[in-house]
PDB file of N, CA and C in Angstrom:
ATOM      1  N   MET A   1      24.912 -62.396 -24.529  1.00  0.00           N
ATOM      2  CA  MET A   1      25.625 -61.259 -25.043  1.00  0.00           C
ATOM      3  C   MET A   1      24.982 -59.955 -24.584  1.00  0.00           C
ATOM      4  N   LEU A   2      23.674 -59.919 -24.623  1.00  0.00           N
ATOM      5  CA  LEU A   2      22.971 -58.734 -24.115  1.00  0.00           C
ATOM      6  C   LEU A   2      23.249 -58.547 -22.634  1.00  0.00           C
ATOM      7  N   PHE A   3      23.272 -59.641 -21.940  1.00  0.00           N
ATOM      8  CA  PHE A   3      23.530 -59.576 -20.507  1.00  0.00           C
ATOM      9  C   PHE A   3      24.930 -59.033 -20.247  1.00  0.00           C
ATOM     10  N   THR A   4      25.876 -59.512 -21.051  1.00  0.00           N
ATOM     11  CA  THR A   4      27.263 -59.051 -20.911  1.00  0.00           C
ATOM     12  C   THR A   4      27.358 -57.565 -21.243  1.00  0.00           C
ATOM     13  N   SER A   5      26.716 -57.149 -22.307  1.00  0.00           N
ATOM     14  CA  SER A   5      26.761 -55.735 -22.679  1.00  0.00           C
ATOM     15  C   SER A   5      26.072 -54.885 -21.617  1.00  0.00           C
ATOM     16  N   ASN A   6      25.012 -55.383 -21.029  1.00  0.00           N
ATOM     17  CA  ASN A   6      24.356 -54.660 -19.937  1.00  0.00           C
ATOM     18  C   ASN A   6      25.291 -54.526 -18.737  1.00  0.00           C
ATOM     19  N   LEU A   7      26.003 -55.600 -18.449  1.00  0.00           N
ATOM     20  CA  LEU A   7      26.958 -55.552 -17.334  1.00  0.00           C
ATOM     21  C   LEU A   7      28.063 -54.526 -17.602  1.00  0.00           C
ATOM     22  N   ILE A   8      28.570 -54.556 -18.853  1.00  0.00           N
ATOM     23  CA  ILE A   8      29.629 -53.600 -19.234  1.00  0.00           C
ATOM     24  C   ILE A   8      29.094 -52.178 -19.129  1.00  0.00           C
ATOM     25  N   THR A   9      27.866 -51.947 -19.602  1.00  0.00           N
ATOM     26  CA  THR A   9      27.250 -50.618 -19.530  1.00  0.00           C
ATOM     27  C   THR A   9      27.069 -50.200 -18.075  1.00  0.00           C
ATOM     28  N   MET A  10      26.639 -51.096 -17.211  1.00  0.00           N
ATOM     29  CA  MET A  10      26.440 -50.792 -15.798  1.00  0.00           C
ATOM     30  C   MET A  10      27.767 -50.444 -15.123  1.00  0.00           C
ATOM     31  N   LEU A  11      28.791 -51.247 -15.439  1.00  0.00           N
ATOM     32  CA  LEU A  11      30.123 -50.978 -14.867  1.00  0.00           C
ATOM     33  C   LEU A  11      30.645 -49.624 -15.332  1.00  0.00           C
ATOM     34  N   PHE A  12      30.494 -49.343 -16.655  1.00  0.00           N
ATOM     35  CA  PHE A  12      30.944 -48.064 -17.201  1.00  0.00           C
ATOM     36  C   PHE A  12      30.185 -46.904 -16.549  1.00  0.00           C
ATOM     37  N   THR A  13      28.856 -47.048 -16.400  1.00  0.00           N
ATOM     38  CA  THR A  13      28.035 -46.000 -15.777  1.00  0.00           C
ATOM     39  C   THR A  13      28.436 -45.798 -14.328  1.00  0.00           C
ATOM     40  N   SER A  14      28.634 -46.908 -13.614  1.00  0.00           N
ATOM     41  CA  SER A  14      29.007 -46.781 -12.208  1.00  0.00           C
ATOM     42  C   SER A  14      30.386 -46.140 -12.056  1.00  0.00           C
ATOM     43  N   SER A  15      31.311 -46.457 -12.988  1.00  0.00           N
ATOM     44  CA  SER A  15      32.634 -45.827 -12.926  1.00  0.00           C
ATOM     45  C   SER A  15      32.532 -44.339 -13.231  1.00  0.00           C
ATOM     46  N   LEU A  16      31.625 -43.959 -14.162  1.00  0.00           N
ATOM     47  CA  LEU A  16      31.412 -42.535 -14.447  1.00  0.00           C
ATOM     48  C   LEU A  16      30.850 -41.821 -13.219  1.00  0.00           C
ATOM     49  N   ILE A  17      29.867 -42.451 -12.568  1.00  0.00           N
ATOM     50  CA  ILE A  17      29.275 -41.857 -11.359  1.00  0.00           C
ATOM     51  C   ILE A  17      30.333 -41.721 -10.276  1.00  0.00           C
ATOM     52  N   THR A  18      31.179 -42.756 -10.135  1.00  0.00           N
ATOM     53  CA  THR A  18      32.266 -42.698  -9.149  1.00  0.00           C
ATOM     54  C   THR A  18      33.231 -41.573  -9.468  1.00  0.00           C
ATOM     55  N   MET A  19      33.581 -41.434 -10.747  1.00  0.00           N
ATOM     56  CA  MET A  19      34.482 -40.355 -11.150  1.00  0.00           C
ATOM     57  C   MET A  19      33.865 -38.984 -10.860  1.00  0.00           C
ATOM     58  N   LEU A  20      32.605 -38.825 -11.178  1.00  0.00           N
ATOM     59  CA  LEU A  20      31.923 -37.550 -10.894  1.00  0.00           C
ATOM     60  C   LEU A  20      31.898 -37.271  -9.396  1.00  0.00           C
ATOM     61  N   PHE A  21      31.596 -38.311  -8.621  1.00  0.00           N
ATOM     62  CA  PHE A  21      31.540 -38.162  -7.162  1.00  0.00           C
ATOM     63  C   PHE A  21      32.912 -37.800  -6.608  1.00  0.00           C
ATOM     64  N   THR A  22      33.933 -38.492  -7.122  1.00  0.00           N
ATOM     65  CA  THR A  22      35.304 -38.210  -6.679  1.00  0.00           C
ATOM     66  C   THR A  22      35.713 -36.794  -7.052  1.00  0.00           C
ATOM     67  N   SER A  23      35.389 -36.393  -8.277  1.00  0.00           N
ATOM     68  CA  SER A  23      35.765 -35.039  -8.704  1.00  0.00           C
ATOM     69  C   SER A  23      35.022 -33.982  -7.890  1.00  0.00           C
ATOM     70  N   SER A  24      33.757 -34.275  -7.509  1.00  0.00           N
ATOM     71  CA  SER A  24      33.032 -33.302  -6.679  1.00  0.00           C
ATOM     72  C   SER A  24      33.641 -33.237  -5.272  1.00  0.00           C
ATOM     73  N   LEU A  25      34.107 -34.409  -4.781  1.00  0.00           N
ATOM     74  CA  LEU A  25      34.796 -34.403  -3.470  1.00  0.00           C
ATOM     75  C   LEU A  25      36.087 -33.593  -3.533  1.00  0.00           C
ATOM     76  N   ILE A  26      36.850 -33.791  -4.605  1.00  0.00           N
ATOM     77  CA  ILE A  26      38.101 -33.029  -4.791  1.00  0.00           C
ATOM     78  C   ILE A  26      37.793 -31.529  -4.894  1.00  0.00           C
ATOM     79  N   ALA A  27      36.726 -31.195  -5.636  1.00  0.00           N
ATOM     80  CA  ALA A  27      36.344 -29.773  -5.773  1.00  0.00           C
ATOM     81  C   ALA A  27      35.935 -29.202  -4.421  1.00  0.00           C
ATOM     82  N   MET A  28      35.217 -30.012  -3.607  1.00  0.00           N
ATOM     83  CA  MET A  28      34.808 -29.548  -2.274  1.00  0.00           C
ATOM     84  C   MET A  28      36.021 -29.313  -1.383  1.00  0.00           C
ATOM     85  N   LEU A  29      36.980 -30.268  -1.432  1.00  0.00           N
ATOM     86  CA  LEU A  29      38.204 -30.105  -0.633  1.00  0.00           C
ATOM     87  C   LEU A  29      38.986 -28.871  -1.066  1.00  0.00           C
ATOM     88  N   PHE A  30      39.083 -28.674  -2.396  1.00  0.00           N
ATOM     89  CA  PHE A  30      39.807 -27.499  -2.913  1.00  0.00           C
ATOM     90  C   PHE A  30      39.112 -26.207  -2.475  1.00  0.00           C
ATOM     91  N   THR A  31      37.779 -26.183  -2.576  1.00  0.00           N
ATOM     92  CA  THR A  31      37.020 -24.992  -2.174  1.00  0.00           C
ATOM     93  C   THR A  31      37.189 -24.722  -0.689  1.00  0.00           C
ATOM     94  N   SER A  32      37.124 -25.785   0.113  1.00  0.00           N
ATOM     95  CA  SER A  32      37.260 -25.584   1.561  1.00  0.00           C
ATOM     96  C   SER A  32      38.666 -25.115   1.915  1.00  0.00           C
ATOM     97  N   SER A  33      39.682 -25.591   1.175  1.00  0.00           N
ATOM     98  CA  SER A  33      41.041 -25.109   1.443  1.00  0.00           C
ATOM     99  C   SER A  33      41.177 -23.646   1.049  1.00  0.00           C
ATOM    100  N   LEU A  34      40.509 -23.239  -0.061  1.00  0.00           N
ATOM    101  CA  LEU A  34      40.522 -21.821  -0.445  1.00  0.00           C
ATOM    102  C   LEU A  34      39.851 -20.954   0.615  1.00  0.00           C
ATOM    103  N   ILE A  35      38.706 -21.419   1.116  1.00  0.00           N
ATOM    104  CA  ILE A  35      37.991 -20.680   2.176  1.00  0.00           C
ATOM    105  C   ILE A  35      38.859 -20.585   3.427  1.00  0.00           C
ATOM    106  N   ALA A  36      39.555 -21.694   3.764  1.00  0.00           N
ATOM    107  CA  ALA A  36      40.447 -21.686   4.929  1.00  0.00           C
ATOM    108  C   ALA A  36      41.599 -20.707   4.732  1.00  0.00           C
ATOM    109  N   MET A  37      42.155 -20.670   3.490  1.00  0.00           N
ATOM    110  CA  MET A  37      43.230 -19.716   3.209  1.00  0.00           C
ATOM    111  C   MET A  37      42.748 -18.274   3.340  1.00  0.00           C
ATOM    112  N   LEU A  38      41.564 -17.999   2.809  1.00  0.00           N
ATOM    113  CA  LEU A  38      41.000 -16.647   2.933  1.00  0.00           C
ATOM    114  C   LEU A  38      40.762 -16.282   4.387  1.00  0.00           C
ATOM    115  N   PHE A  39      40.227 -17.220   5.155  1.00  0.00           N
ATOM    116  CA  PHE A  39      39.963 -16.983   6.578  1.00  0.00           C
ATOM    117  C   PHE A  39      41.258 -16.727   7.341  1.00  0.00           C
ATOM    118  N   THR A  40      42.283 -17.543   7.008  1.00  0.00           N
ATOM    119  CA  THR A  40      43.588 -17.361   7.657  1.00  0.00           C
ATOM    120  C   THR A  40      44.184 -16.008   7.309  1.00  0.00           C
ATOM    121  N   SER A  41      44.080 -15.622   6.029  1.00  0.00           N
ATOM    122  CA  SER A  41      44.637 -14.323   5.633  1.00  0.00           C
ATOM    123  C   SER A  41      43.880 -13.182   6.297  1.00  0.00           C
ATOM    124  N   CYS A  42      42.553 -13.356   6.482  1.00  0.00           N
ATOM    125  CA  CYS A  42      41.777 -12.342   7.207  1.00  0.00           C
ATOM    126  C   CYS A  42      42.246 -12.237   8.646  1.00  0.00           C
ATOM    127  N   LEU A  43      42.490 -13.393   9.273  1.00  0.00           N
ATOM    128  CA  LEU A  43      42.973 -13.394  10.659  1.00  0.00           C
ATOM    129  C   LEU A  43      44.337 -12.713  10.774  1.00  0.00           C
ATOM    130  N   ILE A  44      45.227 -13.032   9.810  1.00  0.00           N
ATOM    131  CA  ILE A  44      46.558 -12.405   9.809  1.00  0.00           C
ATOM    132  C   ILE A  44      46.431 -10.895   9.623  1.00  0.00           C
ATOM    133  N   ALA A  45      45.528 -10.480   8.720  1.00  0.00           N
ATOM    134  CA  ALA A  45      45.315  -9.040   8.496  1.00  0.00           C
ATOM    135  C   ALA A  45      44.769  -8.370   9.748  1.00  0.00           C
ATOM    136  N   MET A  46      43.849  -9.066  10.446  1.00  0.00           N
ATOM    137  CA  MET A  46      43.293  -8.500  11.673  1.00  0.00           C
ATOM    138  C   MET A  46      44.366  -8.341  12.748  1.00  0.00           C
ATOM    139  N   LEU A  47      45.231  -9.385  12.872  1.00  0.00           N
ATOM    140  CA  LEU A  47      46.319  -9.309  13.863  1.00  0.00           C
ATOM    141  C   LEU A  47      47.279  -8.180  13.521  1.00  0.00           C
ATOM    142  N   PHE A  48      47.610  -8.041  12.215  1.00  0.00           N
ATOM    143  CA  PHE A  48      48.517  -6.982  11.778  1.00  0.00           C
ATOM    144  C   PHE A  48      47.919  -5.608  12.063  1.00  0.00           C
ATOM    145  N   THR A  49      46.614  -5.465  11.756  1.00  0.00           N
ATOM    146  CA  THR A  49      45.936  -4.183  12.004  1.00  0.00           C
ATOM    147  C   THR A  49      45.906  -3.862  13.487  1.00  0.00           C
ATOM    148  N   SER A  50      45.607  -4.870  14.324  1.00  0.00           N
ATOM    149  CA  SER A  50      45.556  -4.617  15.765  1.00  0.00           C
ATOM    150  C   SER A  50      46.932  -4.266  16.308  1.00  0.00           C
ATOM    151  N   SER A  51      47.993  -4.882  15.749  1.00  0.00           N
ATOM    152  CA  SER A  51      49.336  -4.532  16.213  1.00  0.00           C
ATOM    153  C   SER A  51      49.689  -3.108  15.791  1.00  0.00           C
ATOM    154  N   LEU A  52      49.234  -2.692  14.583  1.00  0.00           N
ATOM    155  CA  LEU A  52      49.461  -1.296  14.159  1.00  0.00           C
ATOM    156  C   LEU A  52      48.739  -0.322  15.083  1.00  0.00           C
ATOM    157  N   ILE A  53      47.480  -0.642  15.426  1.00  0.00           N
ATOM    158  CA  ILE A  53      46.710   0.214  16.335  1.00  0.00           C
ATOM    159  C   ILE A  53      47.398   0.278  17.697  1.00  0.00           C
ATOM    160  N   ALA A  54      47.903  -0.891  18.163  1.00  0.00           N
ATOM    161  CA  ALA A  54      48.615  -0.918  19.448  1.00  0.00           C
ATOM    162  C   ALA A  54      49.882  -0.078  19.400  1.00  0.00           C
ATOM    163  N   MET A  55      50.601  -0.151  18.245  1.00  0.00           N
ATOM    164  CA  MET A  55      51.805   0.667  18.099  1.00  0.00           C
ATOM    165  C   MET A  55      51.469   2.157  18.125  1.00  0.00           C
ATOM    166  N   LEU A  56      50.410   2.554  17.431  1.00  0.00           N
ATOM    167  CA  LEU A  56      49.997   3.961  17.424  1.00  0.00           C
ATOM    168  C   LEU A  56      49.598   4.418  18.819  1.00  0.00           C
ATOM    169  N   PHE A  57      48.856   3.564  19.541  1.00  0.00           N
ATOM    170  CA  PHE A  57      48.424   3.897  20.900  1.00  0.00           C
ATOM    171  C   PHE A  57      49.620   4.046  21.825  1.00  0.00           C
ATOM    172  N   THR A  58      50.592   3.114  21.674  1.00  0.00           N
ATOM    173  CA  THR A  58      51.800   3.176  22.507  1.00  0.00           C
ATOM    174  C   THR A  58      52.586   4.442  22.214  1.00  0.00           C
ATOM    175  N   SER A  59      52.722   4.780  20.925  1.00  0.00           N
ATOM    176  CA  SER A  59      53.483   5.986  20.577  1.00  0.00           C
ATOM    177  C   SER A  59      52.793   7.240  21.097  1.00  0.00           C
ATOM    178  N   SER A  60      51.445   7.260  21.091  1.00  0.00           N
ATOM    179  CA  SER A  60      50.748   8.430  21.631  1.00  0.00           C
ATOM    180  C   SER A  60      50.941   8.516  23.139  1.00  0.00           C
ATOM    181  N   LEU A  61      50.980   7.341  23.815  1.00  0.00           N
ATOM    182  CA  LEU A  61      51.250   7.348  25.258  1.00  0.00           C
ATOM    183  C   LEU A  61      52.645   7.879  25.552  1.00  0.00           C
ATOM    184  N   ILE A  62      53.642   7.425  24.748  1.00  0.00           N
ATOM    185  CA  ILE A  62      55.018   7.910  24.934  1.00  0.00           C
ATOM    186  C   ILE A  62      55.079   9.422  24.697  1.00  0.00           C
ATOM    187  N   THR A  63      54.359   9.887  23.663  1.00  0.00           N
ATOM    188  CA  THR A  63      54.324  11.322  23.379  1.00  0.00           C
ATOM    189  C   THR A  63      53.686  12.093  24.535  1.00  0.00           C
ATOM    190  N   MET A  64      52.599  11.529  25.099  1.00  0.00           N
ATOM    191  CA  MET A  64      51.958  12.188  26.239  1.00  0.00           C
ATOM    192  C   MET A  64      52.901  12.267  27.436  1.00  0.00           C
ATOM    193  N   LEU A  65      53.624  11.169  27.718  1.00  0.00           N
ATOM    194  CA  LEU A  65      54.573  11.159  28.834  1.00  0.00           C
ATOM    195  C   LEU A  65      55.686  12.170  28.596  1.00  0.00           C
ATOM    196  N   PHE A  66      56.203  12.221  27.344  1.00  0.00           N
ATOM    197  CA  PHE A  66      57.269  13.158  27.013  1.00  0.00           C
ATOM    198  C   PHE A  66      56.786  14.598  27.165  1.00  0.00           C
ATOM    199  N   THR A  67      55.552  14.863  26.696  1.00  0.00           N
ATOM    200  CA  THR A  67      54.979  16.214  26.811  1.00  0.00           C
ATOM    201  C   THR A  67      54.796  16.602  28.263  1.00  0.00           C
ATOM    202  N   SER A  68      54.294  15.668  29.090  1.00  0.00           N
ATOM    203  CA  SER A  68      54.090  15.989  30.507  1.00  0.00           C
ATOM    204  C   SER A  68      55.416  16.235  31.212  1.00  0.00           C
ATOM    205  N   SER A  69      56.474  15.487  30.814  1.00  0.00           N
ATOM    206  CA  SER A  69      57.781  15.724  31.431  1.00  0.00           C
ATOM    207  C   SER A  69      58.320  17.087  31.016  1.00  0.00           C
ATOM    208  N   LEU A  70      58.057  17.487  29.752  1.00  0.00           N
ATOM    209  CA  LEU A  70      58.470  18.823  29.309  1.00  0.00           C
ATOM    210  C   LEU A  70      57.746  19.909  30.104  1.00  0.00           C
ATOM    211  N   ILE A  71      56.416  19.721  30.303  1.00  0.00           N
ATOM    212  CA  ILE A  71      55.636  20.691  31.081  1.00  0.00           C
ATOM    213  C   ILE A  71      56.162  20.755  32.517  1.00  0.00           C
ATOM    214  N   THR A  72      56.489  19.574  33.088  1.00  0.00           N
ATOM    215  CA  THR A  72      57.045  19.537  34.442  1.00  0.00           C
ATOM    216  C   THR A  72      58.383  20.262  34.503  1.00  0.00           C
ATOM    217  N   MET A  73      59.233  20.050  33.467  1.00  0.00           N
ATOM    218  CA  MET A  73      60.529  20.745  33.431  1.00  0.00           C
ATOM    219  C   MET A  73      60.335  22.260  33.361  1.00  0.00           C
ATOM    220  N   LEU A  74      59.402  22.703  32.514  1.00  0.00           N
ATOM    221  CA  LEU A  74      59.142  24.146  32.400  1.00  0.00           C
ATOM    222  C   LEU A  74      58.635  24.715  33.720  1.00  0.00           C
ATOM    223  N   PHE A  75      57.716  23.975  34.360  1.00  0.00           N
ATOM    224  CA  PHE A  75      57.173  24.421  35.646  1.00  0.00           C
ATOM    225  C   PHE A  75      58.260  24.490  36.708  1.00  0.00           C
ATOM    226  N   THR A  76      59.131  23.452  36.731  1.00  0.00           N
ATOM    227  CA  THR A  76      60.227  23.434  37.701  1.00  0.00           C
ATOM    228  C   THR A  76      61.188  24.589  37.455  1.00  0.00           C
ATOM    229  N   SER A  77      61.503  24.839  36.180  1.00  0.00           N
ATOM    230  CA  SER A  77      62.429  25.934  35.870  1.00  0.00           C
ATOM    231  C   SER A  77      61.824  27.288  36.241  1.00  0.00           C
ATOM    232  N   SER A  78      60.500  27.432  36.065  1.00  0.00           N
ATOM    233  CA  SER A  78      59.876  28.703  36.455  1.00  0.00           C
ATOM    234  C   SER A  78      59.899  28.857  37.977  1.00  0.00           C
ATOM    235  N   LEU A  79      59.721  27.731  38.696  1.00  0.00           N
ATOM    236  CA  LEU A  79      59.822  27.785  40.159  1.00  0.00           C
ATOM    237  C   LEU A  79      61.226  28.190  40.595  1.00  0.00           C
ATOM    238  N   ILE A  80      62.256  27.589  39.940  1.00  0.00           N
ATOM    239  CA  ILE A  80      63.647  27.942  40.267  1.00  0.00           C
ATOM    240  C   ILE A  80      63.899  29.418  39.967  1.00  0.00           C
ATOM    241  N   THR A  81      63.372  29.900  38.845  1.00  0.00           N
ATOM    242  CA  THR A  81      63.531  31.318  38.486  1.00  0.00           C
ATOM    243  C   THR A  81      62.858  32.218  39.521  1.00  0.00           C
ATOM    244  N   MET A  82      61.661  31.812  39.967  1.00  0.00           N
ATOM    245  CA  MET A  82      60.965  32.602  40.983  1.00  0.00           C
ATOM    246  C   MET A  82      61.762  32.654  42.291  1.00  0.00           C
ATOM    247  N   LEU A  83      62.300  31.501  42.690  1.00  0.00           N
ATOM    248  CA  LEU A  83      63.110  31.459  43.917  1.00  0.00           C
ATOM    249  C   LEU A  83      64.354  32.329  43.781  1.00  0.00           C
ATOM    250  N   PHE A  84      65.009  32.242  42.610  1.00  0.00           N
ATOM    251  CA  PHE A  84      66.208  33.035  42.362  1.00  0.00           C
ATOM    252  C   PHE A  84      65.875  34.524  42.375  1.00  0.00           C
ATOM    253  N   THR A  85      64.769  34.901  41.746  1.00  0.00           N
ATOM    254  CA  THR A  85      64.343  36.307  41.704  1.00  0.00           C
ATOM    255  C   THR A  85      64.015  36.815  43.106  1.00  0.00           C
ATOM    256  N   SER A  86      63.302  35.982  43.881  1.00  0.00           N
ATOM    257  CA  SER A  86      62.962  36.413  45.240  1.00  0.00           C
ATOM    258  C   SER A  86      64.213  36.557  46.102  1.00  0.00           C
ATOM    259  N   SER A  87      65.199  35.672  45.913  1.00  0.00           N
ATOM    260  CA  SER A  87      66.437  35.801  46.694  1.00  0.00           C
ATOM    261  C   SER A  87      67.181  37.072  46.276  1.00  0.00           C
ATOM    262  N   LEU A  88      67.139  37.419  44.956  1.00  0.00           N
ATOM    263  CA  LEU A  88      67.761  38.671  44.506  1.00  0.00           C
ATOM    264  C   LEU A  88      67.069  39.871  45.146  1.00  0.00           C
ATOM    265  N   ILE A  89      65.719  39.832  45.151  1.00  0.00           N
ATOM    266  CA  ILE A  89      64.966  40.941  45.762  1.00  0.00           C
ATOM    267  C   ILE A  89      65.304  41.036  47.250  1.00  0.00           C
ATOM    268  N   THR A  90      65.409  39.889  47.914  1.00  0.00           N
ATOM    269  CA  THR A  90      65.772  39.885  49.342  1.00  0.00           C
ATOM    270  C   THR A  90      67.167  40.458  49.545  1.00  0.00           C
ATOM    271  N   MET A  91      68.120  40.077  48.682  1.00  0.00           N
ATOM    272  CA  MET A  91      69.485  40.623  48.792  1.00  0.00           C
ATOM    273  C   MET A  91      69.490  42.132  48.589  1.00  0.00           C
ATOM    274  N   LEU A  92      68.744  42.610  47.591  1.00  0.00           N
ATOM    275  CA  LEU A  92      68.681  44.060  47.354  1.00  0.00           C
ATOM    276  C   LEU A  92      68.075  44.783  48.550  1.00  0.00           C
ATOM    277  N   PHE A  93      66.994  44.186  49.070  1.00  0.00           N
ATOM    278  CA  PHE A  93      66.335  44.798  50.216  1.00  0.00           C
ATOM    279  C   PHE A  93      67.259  44.823  51.429  1.00  0.00           C
ATOM    280  N   THR A  94      67.975  43.720  51.653  1.00  0.00           N
ATOM    281  CA  THR A  94      68.916  43.641  52.770  1.00  0.00           C
ATOM    282  C   THR A  94      70.040  44.649  52.591  1.00  0.00           C
ATOM    283  N   SER A  95      70.569  44.750  51.388  1.00  0.00           N
ATOM    284  CA  SER A  95      71.672  45.697  51.143  1.00  0.00           C
ATOM    285  C   SER A  95      71.195  47.138  51.321  1.00  0.00           C
ATOM    286  N   SER A  96      69.929  47.404  50.925  1.00  0.00           N
ATOM    287  CA  SER A  96      69.418  48.766  51.125  1.00  0.00           C
ATOM    288  C   SER A  96      69.233  49.044  52.613  1.00  0.00           C
ATOM    289  N   LEU A  97      68.807  48.020  53.366  1.00  0.00           N
ATOM    290  CA  LEU A  97      68.699  48.193  54.827  1.00  0.00           C
ATOM    291  C   LEU A  97      70.062  48.458  55.457  1.00  0.00           C
ATOM    292  N   ILE A  98      71.079  47.705  55.040  1.00  0.00           N
ATOM    293  CA  ILE A  98      72.439  47.897  55.558  1.00  0.00           C
ATOM    294  C   ILE A  98      72.934  49.305  55.212  1.00  0.00           C
ATOM    295  N   THR A  99      72.648  49.750  53.978  1.00  0.00           N
ATOM    296  CA  THR A  99      73.047  51.096  53.541  1.00  0.00           C
ATOM    297  C   THR A  99      72.342  52.160  54.393  1.00  0.00           C
ATOM    298  N   MET A 100      71.046  51.940  54.660  1.00  0.00           N
ATOM    299  CA  MET A 100      70.314  52.894  55.489  1.00  0.00           C
ATOM    300  C   MET A 100      70.884  52.949  56.898  1.00  0.00           C
ATOM    301  N   LEU A 101      71.192  51.796  57.458  1.00  0.00           N
ATOM    302  CA  LEU A 101      71.782  51.767  58.809  1.00  0.00           C
ATOM    303  C   LEU A 101      73.133  52.457  58.834  1.00  0.00           C
ATOM    304  N   PHE A 102      73.950  52.155  57.794  1.00  0.00           N
ATOM    305  CA  PHE A 102      75.268  52.783  57.716  1.00  0.00           C
ATOM    306  C   PHE A 102      75.148  54.301  57.581  1.00  0.00           C
ATOM    307  N   THR A 103      74.209  54.753  56.736  1.00  0.00           N
ATOM    308  CA  THR A 103      73.995  56.189  56.535  1.00  0.00           C
ATOM    309  C   THR A 103      73.499  56.846  57.824  1.00  0.00           C
ATOM    310  N   SER A 104      72.566  56.176  58.506  1.00  0.00           N
ATOM    311  CA  SER A 104      72.056  56.752  59.754  1.00  0.00           C
ATOM    312  C   SER A 104      73.139  56.799  60.822  1.00  0.00           C
ATOM    313  N   SER A 105      74.011  55.799  60.850  1.00  0.00           N
ATOM    314  CA  SER A 105      75.111  55.822  61.833  1.00  0.00           C
ATOM    315  C   SER A 105      76.093  56.930  61.492  1.00  0.00           C
ATOM    316  N   LEU A 106      76.318  57.166  60.183  1.00  0.00           N
ATOM    317  CA  LEU A 106      77.207  58.264  59.792  1.00  0.00           C
ATOM    318  C   LEU A 106      76.598  59.602  60.177  1.00  0.00           C
ATOM    319  N   ILE A 107      75.293  59.748  59.942  1.00  0.00           N
ATOM    320  CA  ILE A 107      74.597  61.007  60.312  1.00  0.00           C
ATOM    321  C   ILE A 107      74.685  61.200  61.823  1.00  0.00           C
ATOM    322  N   THR A 108      74.497  60.126  62.551  1.00  0.00           N
ATOM    323  CA  THR A 108      74.564  60.215  64.008  1.00  0.00           C
ATOM    324  C   THR A 108      75.961  60.590  64.457  1.00  0.00           C
ATOM    325  N   MET A 109      76.964  60.002  63.831  1.00  0.00           N
ATOM    326  CA  MET A 109      78.341  60.335  64.172  1.00  0.00           C
ATOM    327  C   MET A 109      78.665  61.802  63.855  1.00  0.00           C
ATOM    328  N   LEU A 110      78.139  62.283  62.744  1.00  0.00           N
ATOM    329  CA  LEU A 110      78.384  63.666  62.362  1.00  0.00           C
ATOM    330  C   LEU A 110      77.752  64.633  63.365  1.00  0.00           C
ATOM    331  N   PHE A 111      76.518  64.298  63.759  1.00  0.00           N
ATOM    332  CA  PHE A 111      75.829  65.189  64.706  1.00  0.00           C
ATOM    333  C   PHE A 111      76.435  65.100  66.091  1.00  0.00           C
ATOM    334  N   THR A 112      77.013  63.962  66.376  1.00  0.00           N
ATOM    335  CA  THR A 112      77.608  63.759  67.689  1.00  0.00           C
ATOM    336  C   THR A 112      79.017  64.324  67.646  1.00  0.00           C
TER     337      THR A 112
END
């Protein structure tokens, strides 16, 4: 009877140890899954942040290109204005030369 009770006690103790071991394994698996979830969420956050930084960088590049095209347009328009102004000055100068020639020919005709 003592032997039987010892066997029952040993079986009960071993089942308790097995249960504790199993529960610690389950706790380890649960903890590792939590750590994996945290790591995954960190990775997702890092990817999201890098995509935001990339979007900001791209938008600044687009803004720089747009600004440079505006500066080019202003420069081109000032060049066109300069050409137009110089052609006006040339026309005025030419017309004054024609007027001077016409006046001198009239003076010559009068004296002649």
